[in-house]
Structure formats: C-alpha cells, structure tokens
Amino acid sequence: MSSTELPGTQAIAAAVAPTVSAVRVAEGERLRSVALPGLTLTVRSRPADRTGLPPALFVHGLGGSSQNWSALMPLLADVVEPDAVDLPGFGDSPPPDDGNYSVTGHARAVIRLLDAGGRGPVHLFGNSLGGAVAVRVAAVRPDLVRTLTLISPALPEWRGGGRPAVPTGLLAVPGVAPLFARLTKGWTAEQRTRGVMALCYGDPARISDEAFRHAVAEMERRLELPYFWDAMTRSARGIVDAYTLGGQHGLWRQAERVLAPTQLVYGGRDQLVSYRMARRASAAFRDARLLTLPDAGHVAMMEYPEAVAQAFRELLDDGGGS
C-alpha cells in the first residue's frame, strides 16, 4: 500500500484525466491517494484536535463524494480522527480495475482500505448507499467497526427483499442512464445541481449561496469524467441487486448480525429512503438508537450536521465503542 499526501487543491493525476478540474478541498482538509492492487482510493482527512483519538471513517452515498462529510467532520474532530473515503468511481477515486460497483464490491474496497492502513476498529459512518456498504462491513468484519452511524441507509423497504427508491430503480434499468444523459444534454450544471438538491434536501432553501456554488462546480467536474454515468448506473444496479439477495447475504439479515452500537438517523422529508423505515431499522439492529429529524431530507449530515454530531456524542456517552 502506498499513500501520497495531496495538500491544498491539487488533483490526483492518477484519478482523473488532465483536462478535469481539481476537486475542492475545504480549509483544514487534506487529500491522500491510497493505492491498492486493482484499486486506488482518495481519502479526505481532517486533523483531530489532539493525538490519540480513535479513527472514524465516513462513506458517502450514490452520486456523492467525501465532500458530503465536510460539514460534519470538523464538529467531531475533538472526539475522533476523521477520514472520508471516495468510493471507487466517485469523487476523486478512479473506477476499480474489475468494474465491480456492487454493494459487496464497495464494502470490499472499504475493508481493504482499513486493513491496509491498520485503522480498525473505526467509528464507521454511512449515508444512503454508503449506509448499506457500512452495514455489510460491520456484519462481515466486526473487528473493524467500533460504532456504526447510519444516515438514511439504503436498506430494502420490505423485509426479505424489497424495492429501491424510484429514481435509483430507474437508473439501474439498462439503457435508462444513457437515455437520460441524452435527454438532459442541454442542461447546465446549475440546473442539474438544483434538481439533485430538490431530491436530496428536505428544504433546498437552507442551502447557502456559497454551498450552492461549490456544488455546481463539483457537478461540472463530475460531468467531465468519462466514467461518471457508468459508475452511477452500475452502483444503482448494485443497490437493486443487493435488495434481491436473501439468506445470510441479505441486508436485513446482515443488519441483525451487527454487533457494534448503532446510531440511526432518518429524515421526515426524505424522498429516497422512506421515513417509515426508521422504526423498522431500529428494531433490526441489536443495539440501536434512533434520531428522527422531521424537516431533514436524505442527507442529514449536510442539512443538520450539529444534530447528527450531537447524536454521535450521545452514542459515545452511552458507552458506544468503549
């Protein structure tokens, strides 16, 4: 394993073509590239307030990146050493050599990252797709997970299998992504960004002008990536495939196997993960706490980072991960 520090706003040459814009790095953050056999991952980190704090790893959702955690990480830097990973094909991480975008493939990438860095056990956070990935990691490698915090995790809506949210399911249908790309070819990055925010935020009006500008710039960067739609489509298909698995590989069965203390966060205005899943998920995990945010959408860590941070602190105060 090799790791190269990338201060400031430098791009990772191995991850993107020379014509693609550099990924944004907020003040106080650093990027590093972790090279593994057949896989290169970008990790966004922020220094902890003091040495000796336990590590935390944050895993984003479908179409997201490690930037999704930039609002939450500084709020927790006094209790954890925060890292956020770009899953293969997302953010500044290039596609995996084997083209595996399944939930299991993403989980394997996270496990390999933790094993290579000797970082476990970590406080593991996951949103949406990243929540499903985190559940799988916690179930199959309990030694790597100290606590589990899941924000609108992409779990099947029906026990024993289930349906995904309509946008995710449509994206997974063969041919739909290329068709959508053609139909929206004339859309500006700003139009696309407004559409994504309307889908993901409980109240898009809460987004600051600065945050919106950064989001538009990131959308422009993503659209320059030749593999953007492929990574989106295959990962969406991976979610749908994971929902159809039964037995010990099913996500609900794996949720029941999780040993780590678990914090669940659900938004009342989430259009992608049903709010009614909150109590069902709370019953599935053996050691779960539940935070419901009636005005939040799908990305509570971006909409209400202070509330999410407080819930995690209470998890720690309850002895989580001790």
C-alpha atoms as a PDB file:
ATOM      1  CA  MET A   1       0.000   0.000   0.000  1.00  0.00           C
ATOM      2  CA  SER A   2       1.257   3.454  -0.867  1.00  0.00           C
ATOM      3  CA  SER A   3      -0.151   6.731   0.313  1.00  0.00           C
ATOM      4  CA  THR A   4       0.671  10.160  -1.077  1.00  0.00           C
ATOM      5  CA  GLU A   5      -0.381  13.400   0.606  1.00  0.00           C
ATOM      6  CA  LEU A   6      -2.067  15.999  -1.595  1.00  0.00           C
ATOM      7  CA  PRO A   7      -2.288  19.362   0.202  1.00  0.00           C
ATOM      8  CA  GLY A   8      -4.447  22.257  -0.914  1.00  0.00           C
ATOM      9  CA  THR A   9      -6.500  21.798  -4.047  1.00  0.00           C
ATOM     10  CA  GLN A  10      -4.162  19.612  -6.055  1.00  0.00           C
ATOM     11  CA  ALA A  11      -5.791  16.974  -8.242  1.00  0.00           C
ATOM     12  CA  ILE A  12      -4.773  13.361  -8.167  1.00  0.00           C
ATOM     13  CA  ALA A  13      -3.222  12.712 -11.548  1.00  0.00           C
ATOM     14  CA  ALA A  14      -3.884   9.009 -11.436  1.00  0.00           C
ATOM     15  CA  ALA A  15      -7.544   9.527 -10.701  1.00  0.00           C
ATOM     16  CA  VAL A  16      -8.666  11.907 -13.434  1.00  0.00           C
ATOM     17  CA  ALA A  17      -7.738  12.994 -16.914  1.00  0.00           C
ATOM     18  CA  PRO A  18      -5.557  16.133 -17.175  1.00  0.00           C
ATOM     19  CA  THR A  19      -8.483  18.178 -18.515  1.00  0.00           C
ATOM     20  CA  VAL A  20     -10.694  17.533 -15.494  1.00  0.00           C
ATOM     21  CA  SER A  21     -10.868  20.266 -12.858  1.00  0.00           C
ATOM     22  CA  ALA A  22      -9.309  19.764  -9.450  1.00  0.00           C
ATOM     23  CA  VAL A  23     -11.573  18.551  -6.694  1.00  0.00           C
ATOM     24  CA  ARG A  24     -12.344  21.072  -3.974  1.00  0.00           C
ATOM     25  CA  VAL A  25     -10.595  20.755  -0.620  1.00  0.00           C
ATOM     26  CA  ALA A  26     -12.007  22.821   2.240  1.00  0.00           C
ATOM     27  CA  GLU A  27      -9.785  24.721   4.637  1.00  0.00           C
ATOM     28  CA  GLY A  28      -8.185  22.337   7.095  1.00  0.00           C
ATOM     29  CA  GLU A  29      -8.738  19.265   4.910  1.00  0.00           C
ATOM     30  CA  ARG A  30      -6.174  17.174   3.062  1.00  0.00           C
ATOM     31  CA  LEU A  31      -6.461  14.546   0.366  1.00  0.00           C
ATOM     32  CA  ARG A  32      -4.346  11.466   0.047  1.00  0.00           C
ATOM     33  CA  SER A  33      -4.316   8.733  -2.560  1.00  0.00           C
ATOM     34  CA  VAL A  34      -4.187   5.149  -1.306  1.00  0.00           C
ATOM     35  CA  ALA A  35      -3.034   2.658  -3.944  1.00  0.00           C
ATOM     36  CA  LEU A  36      -4.118  -0.957  -3.512  1.00  0.00           C
ATOM     37  CA  PRO A  37      -3.906  -3.830  -6.011  1.00  0.00           C
ATOM     38  CA  GLY A  38      -6.541  -3.089  -8.661  1.00  0.00           C
ATOM     39  CA  LEU A  39      -7.862  -0.125  -6.739  1.00  0.00           C
ATOM     40  CA  THR A  40      -6.942   3.467  -5.896  1.00  0.00           C
ATOM     41  CA  LEU A  41      -8.950   5.365  -3.310  1.00  0.00           C
ATOM     42  CA  THR A  42      -8.927   9.036  -2.412  1.00  0.00           C
ATOM     43  CA  VAL A  43      -9.287   9.789   1.288  1.00  0.00           C
ATOM     44  CA  ARG A  44     -10.232  13.217   2.648  1.00  0.00           C
ATOM     45  CA  SER A  45      -8.938  13.824   6.150  1.00  0.00           C
ATOM     46  CA  ARG A  46      -9.055  16.491   8.800  1.00  0.00           C
ATOM     47  CA  PRO A  47      -6.634  16.501  11.731  1.00  0.00           C
ATOM     48  CA  ALA A  48      -8.061  15.615  15.109  1.00  0.00           C
ATOM     49  CA  ASP A  49      -7.905  18.251  17.822  1.00  0.00           C
ATOM     50  CA  ARG A  50      -5.456  16.124  19.782  1.00  0.00           C
ATOM     51  CA  THR A  51      -3.455  12.947  19.364  1.00  0.00           C
ATOM     52  CA  GLY A  52      -4.682   9.556  20.451  1.00  0.00           C
ATOM     53  CA  LEU A  53      -8.312   9.919  19.399  1.00  0.00           C
ATOM     54  CA  PRO A  54      -9.979   6.875  17.797  1.00  0.00           C
ATOM     55  CA  PRO A  55     -10.304   6.865  13.993  1.00  0.00           C
ATOM     56  CA  ALA A  56     -13.567   7.408  12.136  1.00  0.00           C
ATOM     57  CA  LEU A  57     -14.369   6.637   8.503  1.00  0.00           C
ATOM     58  CA  PHE A  58     -17.213   8.290   6.587  1.00  0.00           C
ATOM     59  CA  VAL A  59     -18.756   6.627   3.489  1.00  0.00           C
ATOM     60  CA  HIS A  60     -20.892   8.681   1.086  1.00  0.00           C
ATOM     61  CA  GLY A  61     -23.956   7.723  -0.932  1.00  0.00           C
ATOM     62  CA  LEU A  62     -24.804   7.193  -4.595  1.00  0.00           C
ATOM     63  CA  GLY A  63     -23.554  10.091  -6.697  1.00  0.00           C
ATOM     64  CA  GLY A  64     -21.874  11.664  -3.686  1.00  0.00           C
ATOM     65  CA  SER A  65     -18.295  12.015  -2.542  1.00  0.00           C
ATOM     66  CA  SER A  66     -16.201  12.555   0.548  1.00  0.00           C
ATOM     67  CA  GLN A  67     -17.168  16.248   0.329  1.00  0.00           C
ATOM     68  CA  ASN A  68     -20.597  15.250   1.665  1.00  0.00           C
ATOM     69  CA  TRP A  69     -18.991  14.926   5.098  1.00  0.00           C
ATOM     70  CA  SER A  70     -17.107  18.243   5.147  1.00  0.00           C
ATOM     71  CA  ALA A  71     -19.722  19.918   7.368  1.00  0.00           C
ATOM     72  CA  LEU A  72     -19.790  17.101   9.931  1.00  0.00           C
ATOM     73  CA  MET A  73     -16.110  16.199  10.244  1.00  0.00           C
ATOM     74  CA  PRO A  74     -14.916  19.401  11.986  1.00  0.00           C
ATOM     75  CA  LEU A  75     -17.745  19.084  14.510  1.00  0.00           C
ATOM     76  CA  LEU A  76     -16.358  15.719  15.623  1.00  0.00           C
ATOM     77  CA  ALA A  77     -12.618  16.419  15.429  1.00  0.00           C
ATOM     78  CA  ASP A  78     -12.445  16.684  19.218  1.00  0.00           C
ATOM     79  CA  VAL A  79     -13.665  13.094  19.702  1.00  0.00           C
ATOM     80  CA  VAL A  80     -12.425  11.217  16.593  1.00  0.00           C
ATOM     81  CA  GLU A  81      -9.739  11.365  13.932  1.00  0.00           C
ATOM     82  CA  PRO A  82     -11.927  11.792  10.825  1.00  0.00           C
ATOM     83  CA  ASP A  83     -11.340  10.316   7.362  1.00  0.00           C
ATOM     84  CA  ALA A  84     -13.862  10.273   4.498  1.00  0.00           C
ATOM     85  CA  VAL A  85     -13.369   7.977   1.529  1.00  0.00           C
ATOM     86  CA  ASP A  86     -14.341   8.453  -2.105  1.00  0.00           C
ATOM     87  CA  LEU A  87     -15.798   5.106  -3.168  1.00  0.00           C
ATOM     88  CA  PRO A  88     -14.406   3.639  -6.427  1.00  0.00           C
ATOM     89  CA  GLY A  89     -15.563   5.709  -9.406  1.00  0.00           C
ATOM     90  CA  PHE A  90     -16.833   8.586  -7.238  1.00  0.00           C
ATOM     91  CA  GLY A  91     -15.303  11.829  -6.049  1.00  0.00           C
ATOM     92  CA  ASP A  92     -11.616  11.707  -6.910  1.00  0.00           C
ATOM     93  CA  SER A  93     -11.284   7.905  -6.878  1.00  0.00           C
ATOM     94  CA  PRO A  94     -10.896   6.274 -10.303  1.00  0.00           C
ATOM     95  CA  PRO A  95     -13.002   3.271 -11.319  1.00  0.00           C
ATOM     96  CA  PRO A  96     -11.941  -0.115  -9.936  1.00  0.00           C
ATOM     97  CA  ASP A  97      -9.964  -2.265 -12.331  1.00  0.00           C
ATOM     98  CA  ASP A  98     -12.539  -5.062 -12.118  1.00  0.00           C
ATOM     99  CA  GLY A  99     -15.519  -2.751 -12.724  1.00  0.00           C
ATOM    100  CA  ASN A 100     -17.277  -4.091  -9.621  1.00  0.00           C
ATOM    101  CA  TYR A 101     -19.726  -1.473  -8.334  1.00  0.00           C
ATOM    102  CA  SER A 102     -21.864  -3.843  -6.277  1.00  0.00           C
ATOM    103  CA  VAL A 103     -22.554  -3.143  -2.611  1.00  0.00           C
ATOM    104  CA  THR A 104     -20.236  -6.037  -1.831  1.00  0.00           C
ATOM    105  CA  GLY A 105     -17.581  -4.571  -4.144  1.00  0.00           C
ATOM    106  CA  HIS A 106     -17.758  -1.197  -2.410  1.00  0.00           C
ATOM    107  CA  ALA A 107     -17.697  -2.893   1.006  1.00  0.00           C
ATOM    108  CA  ARG A 108     -14.643  -4.871  -0.037  1.00  0.00           C
ATOM    109  CA  ALA A 109     -12.915  -1.604  -1.020  1.00  0.00           C
ATOM    110  CA  VAL A 110     -13.636  -0.128   2.426  1.00  0.00           C
ATOM    111  CA  ILE A 111     -12.378  -3.270   4.159  1.00  0.00           C
ATOM    112  CA  ARG A 112      -9.193  -3.267   2.098  1.00  0.00           C
ATOM    113  CA  LEU A 113      -8.618   0.400   2.923  1.00  0.00           C
ATOM    114  CA  LEU A 114      -8.998  -0.237   6.648  1.00  0.00           C
ATOM    115  CA  ASP A 115      -6.872  -3.370   6.583  1.00  0.00           C
ATOM    116  CA  ALA A 116      -4.105  -1.687   4.587  1.00  0.00           C
ATOM    117  CA  GLY A 117      -3.917   1.288   6.926  1.00  0.00           C
ATOM    118  CA  GLY A 118      -4.325  -0.672  10.140  1.00  0.00           C
ATOM    119  CA  ARG A 119      -7.051   1.798  11.099  1.00  0.00           C
ATOM    120  CA  GLY A 120      -9.603  -0.523  12.654  1.00  0.00           C
ATOM    121  CA  PRO A 121     -11.658  -0.613  14.665  1.00  0.00           C
ATOM    122  CA  VAL A 122     -13.190   2.669  13.481  1.00  0.00           C
ATOM    123  CA  HIS A 123     -16.314   4.639  14.158  1.00  0.00           C
ATOM    124  CA  LEU A 124     -17.989   3.919  10.802  1.00  0.00           C
ATOM    125  CA  PHE A 125     -20.480   6.354   9.248  1.00  0.00           C
ATOM    126  CA  GLY A 126     -22.549   5.714   6.121  1.00  0.00           C
ATOM    127  CA  ASN A 127     -25.178   7.616   4.153  1.00  0.00           C
ATOM    128  CA  SER A 128     -27.588   6.036   1.651  1.00  0.00           C
ATOM    129  CA  LEU A 129     -25.536   3.600  -0.476  1.00  0.00           C
ATOM    130  CA  GLY A 130     -22.719   4.190   1.992  1.00  0.00           C
ATOM    131  CA  GLY A 131     -25.077   3.065   4.740  1.00  0.00           C
ATOM    132  CA  ALA A 132     -25.678  -0.264   3.005  1.00  0.00           C
ATOM    133  CA  VAL A 133     -21.931  -0.602   2.474  1.00  0.00           C
ATOM    134  CA  ALA A 134     -21.274   0.154   6.143  1.00  0.00           C
ATOM    135  CA  VAL A 135     -23.827  -2.446   7.272  1.00  0.00           C
ATOM    136  CA  ARG A 136     -22.115  -5.076   5.155  1.00  0.00           C
ATOM    137  CA  VAL A 137     -18.684  -4.129   6.520  1.00  0.00           C
ATOM    138  CA  ALA A 138     -19.921  -4.218  10.122  1.00  0.00           C
ATOM    139  CA  ALA A 139     -21.602  -7.591   9.603  1.00  0.00           C
ATOM    140  CA  VAL A 140     -18.720  -9.429   7.944  1.00  0.00           C
ATOM    141  CA  ARG A 141     -15.820  -7.697   9.733  1.00  0.00           C
ATOM    142  CA  PRO A 142     -16.981  -6.762  13.236  1.00  0.00           C
ATOM    143  CA  ASP A 143     -13.343  -6.384  14.258  1.00  0.00           C
ATOM    144  CA  LEU A 144     -13.113  -3.275  12.060  1.00  0.00           C
ATOM    145  CA  VAL A 145     -16.125  -1.408  13.463  1.00  0.00           C
ATOM    146  CA  ARG A 146     -16.272   0.309  16.851  1.00  0.00           C
ATOM    147  CA  THR A 147     -19.644   2.008  16.324  1.00  0.00           C
ATOM    148  CA  LEU A 148     -21.963   2.372  13.340  1.00  0.00           C
ATOM    149  CA  THR A 149     -23.791   5.579  12.409  1.00  0.00           C
ATOM    150  CA  LEU A 150     -26.247   5.248   9.525  1.00  0.00           C
ATOM    151  CA  ILE A 151     -27.909   8.251   7.902  1.00  0.00           C
ATOM    152  CA  SER A 152     -30.827   7.279   5.650  1.00  0.00           C
ATOM    153  CA  PRO A 153     -29.221   3.896   4.886  1.00  0.00           C
ATOM    154  CA  ALA A 154     -30.253   2.221   1.634  1.00  0.00           C
ATOM    155  CA  LEU A 155     -31.913  -0.839   3.144  1.00  0.00           C
ATOM    156  CA  PRO A 156     -34.698  -2.763   1.357  1.00  0.00           C
ATOM    157  CA  GLU A 157     -38.112  -1.300   2.039  1.00  0.00           C
ATOM    158  CA  TRP A 158     -39.587  -4.727   2.640  1.00  0.00           C
ATOM    159  CA  ARG A 159     -38.021  -7.323   4.877  1.00  0.00           C
ATOM    160  CA  GLY A 160     -36.614 -10.289   2.972  1.00  0.00           C
ATOM    161  CA  GLY A 161     -36.103  -8.145  -0.114  1.00  0.00           C
ATOM    162  CA  GLY A 162     -37.778  -5.030  -1.358  1.00  0.00           C
ATOM    163  CA  ARG A 163     -37.932  -2.165  -3.743  1.00  0.00           C
ATOM    164  CA  PRO A 164     -35.486   0.712  -4.040  1.00  0.00           C
ATOM    165  CA  ALA A 165     -36.498   4.319  -4.336  1.00  0.00           C
ATOM    166  CA  VAL A 166     -37.942   5.063  -7.775  1.00  0.00           C
ATOM    167  CA  PRO A 167     -35.022   7.244  -9.002  1.00  0.00           C
ATOM    168  CA  THR A 168     -32.492   4.580  -8.008  1.00  0.00           C
ATOM    169  CA  GLY A 169     -34.518   1.784  -9.555  1.00  0.00           C
ATOM    170  CA  LEU A 170     -34.956   3.675 -12.820  1.00  0.00           C
ATOM    171  CA  LEU A 171     -31.262   4.480 -13.055  1.00  0.00           C
ATOM    172  CA  ALA A 172     -30.486   0.770 -12.712  1.00  0.00           C
ATOM    173  CA  VAL A 173     -32.633  -0.191 -15.716  1.00  0.00           C
ATOM    174  CA  PRO A 174     -30.383  -0.946 -18.717  1.00  0.00           C
ATOM    175  CA  GLY A 175     -30.400   1.919 -21.191  1.00  0.00           C
ATOM    176  CA  VAL A 176     -32.044   4.471 -18.914  1.00  0.00           C
ATOM    177  CA  ALA A 177     -28.851   6.273 -17.869  1.00  0.00           C
ATOM    178  CA  PRO A 178     -27.636   6.837 -21.462  1.00  0.00           C
ATOM    179  CA  LEU A 179     -31.143   7.953 -22.416  1.00  0.00           C
ATOM    180  CA  PHE A 180     -31.287  10.375 -19.501  1.00  0.00           C
ATOM    181  CA  ALA A 181     -27.839  11.686 -20.406  1.00  0.00           C
ATOM    182  CA  ARG A 182     -29.025  12.391 -23.953  1.00  0.00           C
ATOM    183  CA  LEU A 183     -32.311  13.964 -22.857  1.00  0.00           C
ATOM    184  CA  THR A 184     -30.546  16.273 -20.404  1.00  0.00           C
ATOM    185  CA  LYS A 185     -27.579  17.058 -22.624  1.00  0.00           C
ATOM    186  CA  GLY A 186     -28.597  20.698 -22.793  1.00  0.00           C
ATOM    187  CA  TRP A 187     -28.985  21.093 -19.057  1.00  0.00           C
ATOM    188  CA  THR A 188     -26.477  23.320 -17.338  1.00  0.00           C
ATOM    189  CA  ALA A 189     -24.568  22.169 -14.274  1.00  0.00           C
ATOM    190  CA  GLU A 190     -26.649  24.633 -12.275  1.00  0.00           C
ATOM    191  CA  GLN A 191     -29.905  23.066 -13.484  1.00  0.00           C
ATOM    192  CA  ARG A 192     -28.649  19.585 -12.649  1.00  0.00           C
ATOM    193  CA  THR A 193     -27.495  20.706  -9.219  1.00  0.00           C
ATOM    194  CA  ARG A 194     -30.862  22.262  -8.410  1.00  0.00           C
ATOM    195  CA  GLY A 195     -32.546  19.011  -9.426  1.00  0.00           C
ATOM    196  CA  VAL A 196     -30.290  16.925  -7.192  1.00  0.00           C
ATOM    197  CA  MET A 197     -30.771  19.264  -4.245  1.00  0.00           C
ATOM    198  CA  ALA A 198     -34.552  19.276  -4.683  1.00  0.00           C
ATOM    199  CA  LEU A 199     -34.430  15.483  -4.483  1.00  0.00           C
ATOM    200  CA  CYS A 200     -31.970  15.155  -1.599  1.00  0.00           C
ATOM    201  CA  TYR A 201     -32.682  18.106   0.711  1.00  0.00           C
ATOM    202  CA  GLY A 202     -35.738  18.480   2.911  1.00  0.00           C
ATOM    203  CA  ASP A 203     -35.619  22.231   2.289  1.00  0.00           C
ATOM    204  CA  PRO A 204     -33.287  23.339  -0.524  1.00  0.00           C
ATOM    205  CA  ALA A 205     -33.777  26.948   0.603  1.00  0.00           C
ATOM    206  CA  ARG A 206     -31.484  26.186   3.557  1.00  0.00           C
ATOM    207  CA  ILE A 207     -28.512  25.805   1.218  1.00  0.00           C
ATOM    208  CA  SER A 208     -26.215  28.817   1.344  1.00  0.00           C
ATOM    209  CA  ASP A 209     -25.131  30.606  -1.824  1.00  0.00           C
ATOM    210  CA  GLU A 210     -21.546  29.522  -1.195  1.00  0.00           C
ATOM    211  CA  ALA A 211     -22.508  25.867  -0.753  1.00  0.00           C
ATOM    212  CA  PHE A 212     -24.563  26.008  -3.939  1.00  0.00           C
ATOM    213  CA  ARG A 213     -21.654  27.461  -5.922  1.00  0.00           C
ATOM    214  CA  HIS A 214     -19.371  24.705  -4.652  1.00  0.00           C
ATOM    215  CA  ALA A 215     -21.978  22.088  -5.582  1.00  0.00           C
ATOM    216  CA  VAL A 216     -22.297  23.470  -9.115  1.00  0.00           C
ATOM    217  CA  ALA A 217     -18.514  23.428  -9.539  1.00  0.00           C
ATOM    218  CA  GLU A 218     -18.411  19.811  -8.382  1.00  0.00           C
ATOM    219  CA  MET A 219     -21.215  18.894 -10.792  1.00  0.00           C
ATOM    220  CA  GLU A 220     -19.263  20.489 -13.651  1.00  0.00           C
ATOM    221  CA  ARG A 221     -16.200  18.474 -12.648  1.00  0.00           C
ATOM    222  CA  ARG A 222     -18.127  15.202 -12.476  1.00  0.00           C
ATOM    223  CA  LEU A 223     -19.684  15.695 -15.884  1.00  0.00           C
ATOM    224  CA  GLU A 224     -16.178  15.936 -17.350  1.00  0.00           C
ATOM    225  CA  LEU A 225     -15.350  12.440 -16.097  1.00  0.00           C
ATOM    226  CA  PRO A 226     -15.738   9.837 -18.856  1.00  0.00           C
ATOM    227  CA  TYR A 227     -16.873   7.191 -16.359  1.00  0.00           C
ATOM    228  CA  PHE A 228     -19.388   9.302 -14.407  1.00  0.00           C
ATOM    229  CA  TRP A 229     -22.583   7.753 -15.779  1.00  0.00           C
ATOM    230  CA  ASP A 230     -21.136   4.245 -15.770  1.00  0.00           C
ATOM    231  CA  ALA A 231     -20.237   4.472 -12.073  1.00  0.00           C
ATOM    232  CA  MET A 232     -23.676   5.874 -11.257  1.00  0.00           C
ATOM    233  CA  THR A 233     -25.559   3.260 -13.264  1.00  0.00           C
ATOM    234  CA  ARG A 234     -23.608   0.258 -12.057  1.00  0.00           C
ATOM    235  CA  SER A 235     -23.738   1.362  -8.433  1.00  0.00           C
ATOM    236  CA  ALA A 236     -27.511   1.901  -8.687  1.00  0.00           C
ATOM    237  CA  ARG A 237     -27.814  -1.569 -10.187  1.00  0.00           C
ATOM    238  CA  GLY A 238     -25.691  -2.838  -7.307  1.00  0.00           C
ATOM    239  CA  ILE A 239     -28.200  -1.440  -4.803  1.00  0.00           C
ATOM    240  CA  VAL A 240     -31.105  -3.092  -6.617  1.00  0.00           C
ATOM    241  CA  ASP A 241     -29.221  -6.388  -6.774  1.00  0.00           C
ATOM    242  CA  ALA A 242     -28.437  -6.199  -3.051  1.00  0.00           C
ATOM    243  CA  TYR A 243     -32.141  -5.742  -2.315  1.00  0.00           C
ATOM    244  CA  THR A 244     -32.958  -9.037  -4.019  1.00  0.00           C
ATOM    245  CA  LEU A 245     -30.453 -11.097  -2.048  1.00  0.00           C
ATOM    246  CA  GLY A 246     -31.872 -13.412   0.581  1.00  0.00           C
ATOM    247  CA  GLY A 247     -30.418 -15.574   3.307  1.00  0.00           C
ATOM    248  CA  GLN A 248     -27.260 -14.572   5.115  1.00  0.00           C
ATOM    249  CA  HIS A 249     -26.278 -12.153   2.330  1.00  0.00           C
ATOM    250  CA  GLY A 250     -29.481 -10.098   2.616  1.00  0.00           C
ATOM    251  CA  LEU A 251     -29.005  -6.619   4.058  1.00  0.00           C
ATOM    252  CA  TRP A 252     -31.649  -7.082   6.758  1.00  0.00           C
ATOM    253  CA  ARG A 253     -30.088 -10.350   7.861  1.00  0.00           C
ATOM    254  CA  GLN A 254     -26.708  -8.650   7.963  1.00  0.00           C
ATOM    255  CA  ALA A 255     -28.184  -5.763   9.968  1.00  0.00           C
ATOM    256  CA  GLU A 256     -29.269  -8.297  12.578  1.00  0.00           C
ATOM    257  CA  ARG A 257     -25.684  -9.595  12.753  1.00  0.00           C
ATOM    258  CA  VAL A 258     -24.127  -6.202  13.513  1.00  0.00           C
ATOM    259  CA  LEU A 259     -22.541  -6.203  16.962  1.00  0.00           C
ATOM    260  CA  ALA A 260     -21.483  -2.552  17.088  1.00  0.00           C
ATOM    261  CA  PRO A 261     -23.611   0.047  18.885  1.00  0.00           C
ATOM    262  CA  THR A 262     -25.610   1.716  16.123  1.00  0.00           C
ATOM    263  CA  GLN A 263     -26.971   5.235  15.680  1.00  0.00           C
ATOM    264  CA  LEU A 264     -29.729   5.579  13.073  1.00  0.00           C
ATOM    265  CA  VAL A 265     -30.692   8.941  11.557  1.00  0.00           C
ATOM    266  CA  TYR A 266     -33.771   9.405   9.360  1.00  0.00           C
ATOM    267  CA  GLY A 267     -35.281  12.495   7.745  1.00  0.00           C
ATOM    268  CA  GLY A 268     -39.012  13.142   7.632  1.00  0.00           C
ATOM    269  CA  ARG A 269     -38.779  14.706   4.160  1.00  0.00           C
ATOM    270  CA  ASP A 270     -36.524  12.053   2.643  1.00  0.00           C
ATOM    271  CA  GLN A 271     -37.699  11.286  -0.902  1.00  0.00           C
ATOM    272  CA  LEU A 272     -35.252   8.406  -1.411  1.00  0.00           C
ATOM    273  CA  VAL A 273     -35.472   6.399   1.829  1.00  0.00           C
ATOM    274  CA  SER A 274     -38.908   6.171   3.405  1.00  0.00           C
ATOM    275  CA  TYR A 275     -39.282   7.799   6.826  1.00  0.00           C
ATOM    276  CA  ARG A 276     -41.390   4.829   7.926  1.00  0.00           C
ATOM    277  CA  MET A 277     -38.266   2.657   7.676  1.00  0.00           C
ATOM    278  CA  ALA A 278     -36.848   4.289  10.810  1.00  0.00           C
ATOM    279  CA  ARG A 279     -38.515   2.145  13.450  1.00  0.00           C
ATOM    280  CA  ARG A 280     -38.186  -0.992  11.357  1.00  0.00           C
ATOM    281  CA  ALA A 281     -34.448  -0.437  11.127  1.00  0.00           C
ATOM    282  CA  SER A 282     -34.273   0.404  14.817  1.00  0.00           C
ATOM    283  CA  ALA A 283     -35.788  -2.996  15.621  1.00  0.00           C
ATOM    284  CA  ALA A 284     -33.414  -4.848  13.289  1.00  0.00           C
ATOM    285  CA  PHE A 285     -30.129  -3.722  14.854  1.00  0.00           C
ATOM    286  CA  ARG A 286     -29.492  -5.332  18.219  1.00  0.00           C
ATOM    287  CA  ASP A 287     -28.043  -2.205  19.879  1.00  0.00           C
ATOM    288  CA  ALA A 288     -29.652   0.754  18.135  1.00  0.00           C
ATOM    289  CA  ARG A 289     -30.529   4.349  18.929  1.00  0.00           C
ATOM    290  CA  LEU A 290     -32.808   6.367  16.667  1.00  0.00           C
ATOM    291  CA  LEU A 291     -32.769  10.055  15.746  1.00  0.00           C
ATOM    292  CA  THR A 292     -35.596  11.314  13.555  1.00  0.00           C
ATOM    293  CA  LEU A 293     -35.380  14.781  12.017  1.00  0.00           C
ATOM    294  CA  PRO A 294     -38.826  15.740  10.657  1.00  0.00           C
ATOM    295  CA  ASP A 295     -37.527  18.539   8.401  1.00  0.00           C
ATOM    296  CA  ALA A 296     -34.466  16.727   7.049  1.00  0.00           C
ATOM    297  CA  GLY A 297     -34.217  15.048   3.681  1.00  0.00           C
ATOM    298  CA  HIS A 298     -31.792  12.370   2.529  1.00  0.00           C
ATOM    299  CA  VAL A 299     -28.524  13.982   3.645  1.00  0.00           C
ATOM    300  CA  ALA A 300     -28.999  14.983   7.276  1.00  0.00           C
ATOM    301  CA  MET A 301     -25.234  15.261   7.848  1.00  0.00           C
ATOM    302  CA  MET A 302     -25.240  18.133   5.326  1.00  0.00           C
ATOM    303  CA  GLU A 303     -28.589  19.652   6.352  1.00  0.00           C
ATOM    304  CA  TYR A 304     -28.349  19.331  10.143  1.00  0.00           C
ATOM    305  CA  PRO A 305     -24.715  18.470  10.932  1.00  0.00           C
ATOM    306  CA  GLU A 306     -24.967  19.755  14.508  1.00  0.00           C
ATOM    307  CA  ALA A 307     -27.870  17.406  15.287  1.00  0.00           C
ATOM    308  CA  VAL A 308     -26.046  14.435  13.785  1.00  0.00           C
ATOM    309  CA  ALA A 309     -22.879  15.318  15.695  1.00  0.00           C
ATOM    310  CA  GLN A 310     -24.821  15.551  18.950  1.00  0.00           C
ATOM    311  CA  ALA A 311     -26.425  12.147  18.343  1.00  0.00           C
ATOM    312  CA  PHE A 312     -22.991  10.614  17.828  1.00  0.00           C
ATOM    313  CA  ARG A 313     -21.678  12.232  21.005  1.00  0.00           C
ATOM    314  CA  GLU A 314     -24.591  10.750  22.924  1.00  0.00           C
ATOM    315  CA  LEU A 315     -23.773   7.361  21.420  1.00  0.00           C
ATOM    316  CA  LEU A 316     -20.252   7.731  22.802  1.00  0.00           C
ATOM    317  CA  ASP A 317     -21.577   8.893  26.169  1.00  0.00           C
ATOM    318  CA  ASP A 318     -23.713   5.745  26.325  1.00  0.00           C
ATOM    319  CA  GLY A 319     -20.514   3.723  26.122  1.00  0.00           C
ATOM    320  CA  GLY A 320     -20.597   3.152  22.379  1.00  0.00           C
ATOM    321  CA  GLY A 321     -17.303   1.817  21.144  1.00  0.00           C
ATOM    322  CA  SER A 322     -15.664   1.781  24.555  1.00  0.00           C
END
